[in-house]
Amino acid sequence: MHCARWSAYVTWVAVLVAASGFVAASAFRIGEALAQPASISHIPAVELIDQHGVARTGALLFDRPSVVHFGFTQCPVICPTTLYEMAERMDSLGSASAAYNFIFITVDPERDTPSVLGDYLVSFDRRIIGLSGKAEQIQKVAQWLGATYAKIPTTGGDYTMDHTVNAFLVSRGGGSVSSLYMGHGAKEAQVMAALQELSKAK
């Protein structure tokens, strides 16, 4: 377990306990079954930028089994706890984790530049690929997978983001997609079994 990751996790769990009424709580549909596209066998024509400033196309989602989470760096609870759990599952996989893509796509590109994503993700695991870019490009990927999100105004002229909380599991080549809750309270055995199945899916 990485010290920085554990410190971040403790902080965000404390926030979770203290903030039972955090903004847009009704939007975090924990464990909800999500509608899936009939077919995702085509690669979306998009270009996003990772935390290192490298351009990534939709082909990234097809070159190996991919675990994709949509979120934003100012998310108070769901994103940090999900990323913590994702990093823990990567550790559980050991060297086999290199056979997967673990991807975090921001739904708040206005604030989450590639460098902001880089600073954020280093607290969890450097192997997680963070993606930002133009809003319309992110929307294409979200629609392709069946994820939803929306900007929610808050007091003082600020805003937060409502977003799908489940991660999307995309098989190599895009032949199948499913969704799974991987955040705080997710059962490790269930997540690990899903990842094992994902590695075999066509």
Protein backbone atom coordinates (compact mmCIF):
# COMPACT_ATOMS: atom_id res chain seq x y z
CA MET A 1 0.00 0.00 0.00
CA HIS A 2 1.41 3.41 -0.99
CA CYS A 3 1.63 5.95 1.86
CA ALA A 4 0.36 8.82 -0.28
CA ARG A 5 -2.56 6.70 -1.45
CA TRP A 6 -3.46 5.68 2.11
CA SER A 7 -3.26 9.28 3.35
CA ALA A 8 -5.54 10.45 0.56
CA TYR A 9 -7.96 7.61 1.27
CA VAL A 10 -8.18 8.37 5.00
CA THR A 11 -8.86 12.02 4.23
CA TRP A 12 -11.63 11.26 1.76
CA VAL A 13 -13.27 8.61 3.95
CA ALA A 14 -13.38 11.21 6.71
CA VAL A 15 -15.11 13.53 4.29
CA LEU A 16 -17.56 10.74 3.41
CA VAL A 17 -18.48 10.22 7.06
CA ALA A 18 -18.83 13.93 7.74
CA ALA A 19 -20.59 14.91 4.51
CA SER A 20 -23.68 12.73 4.41
CA GLY A 21 -25.49 15.50 2.62
CA PHE A 22 -22.85 16.44 0.06
CA VAL A 23 -24.05 18.25 -3.02
CA ALA A 24 -25.72 16.24 -5.75
CA ALA A 25 -25.73 13.11 -3.58
CA SER A 26 -28.77 11.78 -5.41
CA ALA A 27 -26.68 11.71 -8.58
CA PHE A 28 -24.27 9.10 -7.24
CA ARG A 29 -26.19 5.99 -8.20
CA ILE A 30 -24.10 3.46 -6.30
CA GLY A 31 -24.39 -0.02 -7.77
CA GLU A 32 -27.15 0.93 -10.22
CA ALA A 33 -27.31 -1.25 -13.32
CA LEU A 34 -26.62 0.96 -16.33
CA ALA A 35 -28.09 0.74 -19.80
CA GLN A 36 -25.48 -0.39 -22.31
CA PRO A 37 -25.16 0.25 -26.04
CA ALA A 38 -26.25 -2.64 -28.26
CA SER A 39 -22.80 -2.73 -29.85
CA ILE A 40 -19.51 -0.94 -29.29
CA SER A 41 -17.52 -2.76 -31.94
CA HIS A 42 -16.49 0.49 -33.65
CA ILE A 43 -13.74 2.76 -32.31
CA PRO A 44 -15.01 6.27 -31.47
CA ALA A 45 -13.25 8.91 -33.58
CA VAL A 46 -11.85 10.97 -30.71
CA GLU A 47 -8.55 12.36 -29.53
CA LEU A 48 -7.92 13.07 -25.86
CA ILE A 49 -4.77 14.11 -23.99
CA ASP A 50 -3.27 12.10 -21.15
CA GLN A 51 -1.61 13.49 -18.02
CA HIS A 52 1.76 13.45 -19.77
CA GLY A 53 0.53 15.57 -22.67
CA VAL A 54 0.38 12.63 -25.09
CA ALA A 55 -2.53 12.46 -27.57
CA ARG A 56 -4.63 9.30 -27.19
CA THR A 57 -7.26 8.09 -29.66
CA GLY A 58 -10.23 5.80 -29.11
CA ALA A 59 -8.00 2.88 -30.05
CA LEU A 60 -6.60 3.06 -26.51
CA LEU A 61 -9.82 1.42 -25.28
CA PHE A 62 -9.38 -1.50 -27.67
CA ASP A 63 -5.71 -2.47 -27.44
CA ARG A 64 -6.20 -4.38 -24.17
CA PRO A 65 -8.98 -4.95 -21.59
CA SER A 66 -9.86 -1.53 -20.20
CA VAL A 67 -11.36 -0.33 -16.94
CA VAL A 68 -12.78 3.16 -17.48
CA HIS A 69 -14.04 5.51 -14.77
CA PHE A 70 -15.56 8.94 -15.48
CA GLY A 71 -15.12 11.58 -12.80
CA PHE A 72 -13.39 14.82 -11.83
CA THR A 73 -10.58 15.87 -9.52
CA GLN A 74 -12.76 18.04 -7.28
CA CYS A 75 -15.18 15.17 -6.64
CA PRO A 76 -15.55 15.03 -2.83
CA VAL A 77 -15.96 11.31 -2.24
CA ILE A 78 -16.85 8.94 -5.10
CA CYS A 79 -13.87 9.53 -7.40
CA PRO A 80 -11.10 9.43 -4.80
CA THR A 81 -12.46 6.31 -3.12
CA THR A 82 -13.01 4.63 -6.49
CA LEU A 83 -9.48 5.44 -7.61
CA TYR A 84 -8.12 4.17 -4.31
CA GLU A 85 -10.00 0.89 -4.74
CA MET A 86 -8.90 0.68 -8.39
CA ALA A 87 -5.28 1.07 -7.35
CA GLU A 88 -5.71 -1.61 -4.68
CA ARG A 89 -7.11 -4.02 -7.27
CA MET A 90 -4.15 -3.24 -9.54
CA ASP A 91 -1.87 -4.23 -6.68
CA SER A 92 -3.89 -7.42 -6.18
CA LEU A 93 -3.37 -8.32 -9.84
CA GLY A 94 0.37 -7.92 -9.47
CA SER A 95 2.30 -8.14 -12.73
CA ALA A 96 -0.94 -9.14 -14.52
CA SER A 97 -2.15 -5.54 -14.13
CA ALA A 98 0.09 -4.63 -17.09
CA ALA A 99 -2.34 -6.52 -19.33
CA TYR A 100 -5.09 -3.95 -18.63
CA ASN A 101 -5.71 -0.26 -19.22
CA PHE A 102 -6.94 1.53 -16.08
CA ILE A 103 -8.36 4.84 -17.27
CA PHE A 104 -9.79 7.92 -15.54
CA ILE A 105 -11.60 10.32 -17.90
CA THR A 106 -12.47 13.72 -16.51
CA VAL A 107 -15.98 15.06 -17.03
CA ASP A 108 -14.72 18.52 -16.01
CA PRO A 109 -12.11 19.44 -18.65
CA GLU A 110 -12.66 23.12 -17.88
CA ARG A 111 -10.75 22.64 -14.61
CA ASP A 112 -9.04 19.28 -15.12
CA THR A 113 -6.19 19.98 -17.49
CA PRO A 114 -3.71 17.17 -18.21
CA SER A 115 -1.28 18.59 -15.65
CA VAL A 116 -4.01 18.82 -13.00
CA LEU A 117 -4.89 15.19 -13.68
CA GLY A 118 -1.25 14.23 -13.36
CA ASP A 119 -0.91 15.88 -9.96
CA TYR A 120 -4.15 14.24 -8.81
CA LEU A 121 -3.53 10.69 -9.99
CA VAL A 122 -0.02 10.43 -8.57
CA SER A 123 -1.62 10.04 -5.11
CA PHE A 124 -3.31 6.83 -6.27
CA ASP A 125 -1.22 4.99 -8.85
CA ARG A 126 1.04 6.22 -11.63
CA ARG A 127 -0.22 3.41 -13.87
CA ILE A 128 -3.70 4.95 -14.10
CA ILE A 129 -4.12 6.81 -17.40
CA GLY A 130 -5.79 10.19 -16.94
CA LEU A 131 -7.54 11.71 -19.95
CA SER A 132 -8.74 15.26 -20.58
CA GLY A 133 -9.41 17.25 -23.73
CA LYS A 134 -12.21 19.04 -25.54
CA ALA A 135 -15.65 18.68 -23.97
CA GLU A 136 -17.24 17.33 -27.15
CA GLN A 137 -14.57 14.63 -27.44
CA ILE A 138 -15.18 13.47 -23.87
CA GLN A 139 -18.93 13.47 -24.52
CA LYS A 140 -18.44 11.15 -27.50
CA VAL A 141 -16.66 8.56 -25.38
CA ALA A 142 -19.25 8.87 -22.60
CA GLN A 143 -22.14 8.38 -25.01
CA TRP A 144 -20.35 5.46 -26.64
CA LEU A 145 -20.07 3.63 -23.32
CA GLY A 146 -23.40 4.76 -21.88
CA ALA A 147 -22.07 7.08 -19.16
CA THR A 148 -23.87 10.28 -18.19
CA TYR A 149 -22.78 13.48 -16.48
CA ALA A 150 -23.94 17.06 -16.00
CA LYS A 151 -22.73 20.33 -14.50
CA ILE A 152 -24.61 21.24 -11.30
CA PRO A 153 -24.47 24.90 -10.10
CA THR A 154 -23.63 25.44 -6.44
CA THR A 155 -23.70 28.47 -4.17
CA GLY A 156 -21.34 31.33 -4.90
CA GLY A 157 -21.37 30.80 -8.64
CA ASP A 158 -19.32 27.59 -8.46
CA TYR A 159 -20.35 24.17 -9.74
CA THR A 160 -19.91 20.46 -9.20
CA MET A 161 -20.44 17.51 -11.53
CA ASP A 162 -23.09 14.80 -11.43
CA HIS A 163 -21.73 11.64 -13.06
CA THR A 164 -22.14 7.91 -13.43
CA VAL A 165 -20.28 6.20 -10.61
CA ASN A 166 -19.84 2.71 -12.07
CA ALA A 167 -16.66 1.88 -13.94
CA PHE A 168 -16.95 0.48 -17.46
CA LEU A 169 -15.21 -2.76 -18.36
CA VAL A 170 -14.34 -2.90 -22.06
CA SER A 171 -12.97 -6.11 -23.53
CA ARG A 172 -9.98 -6.20 -25.86
CA GLY A 173 -11.24 -5.22 -29.30
CA GLY A 174 -14.46 -3.76 -27.87
CA GLY A 175 -16.58 -6.85 -28.31
CA SER A 176 -18.26 -6.48 -24.93
CA VAL A 177 -18.83 -3.85 -22.27
CA SER A 178 -20.24 -4.05 -18.77
CA SER A 179 -20.35 -1.77 -15.75
CA LEU A 180 -19.38 -2.40 -12.16
CA TYR A 181 -19.27 -0.32 -9.00
CA MET A 182 -15.65 -0.22 -7.81
CA GLY A 183 -15.79 2.46 -5.11
CA HIS A 184 -16.00 2.42 -1.32
CA GLY A 185 -17.85 -0.67 -0.14
CA ALA A 186 -17.35 -2.69 -3.33
CA LYS A 187 -16.61 -6.36 -2.69
CA GLU A 188 -13.04 -7.21 -3.62
CA ALA A 189 -13.90 -10.77 -4.66
CA GLN A 190 -16.61 -9.53 -7.02
CA VAL A 191 -14.34 -6.93 -8.61
CA MET A 192 -11.44 -9.36 -9.01
CA ALA A 193 -13.73 -11.96 -10.59
CA ALA A 194 -15.01 -9.34 -13.05
CA LEU A 195 -11.46 -8.35 -13.97
CA GLN A 196 -10.52 -11.97 -14.55
CA GLU A 197 -13.54 -12.42 -16.83
CA LEU A 198 -12.68 -9.21 -18.64
CA SER A 199 -9.24 -10.55 -19.50
CA LYS A 200 -10.88 -13.55 -21.24
CA ALA A 201 -13.67 -11.67 -23.04
CA LYS A 202 -13.54 -11.17 -26.80
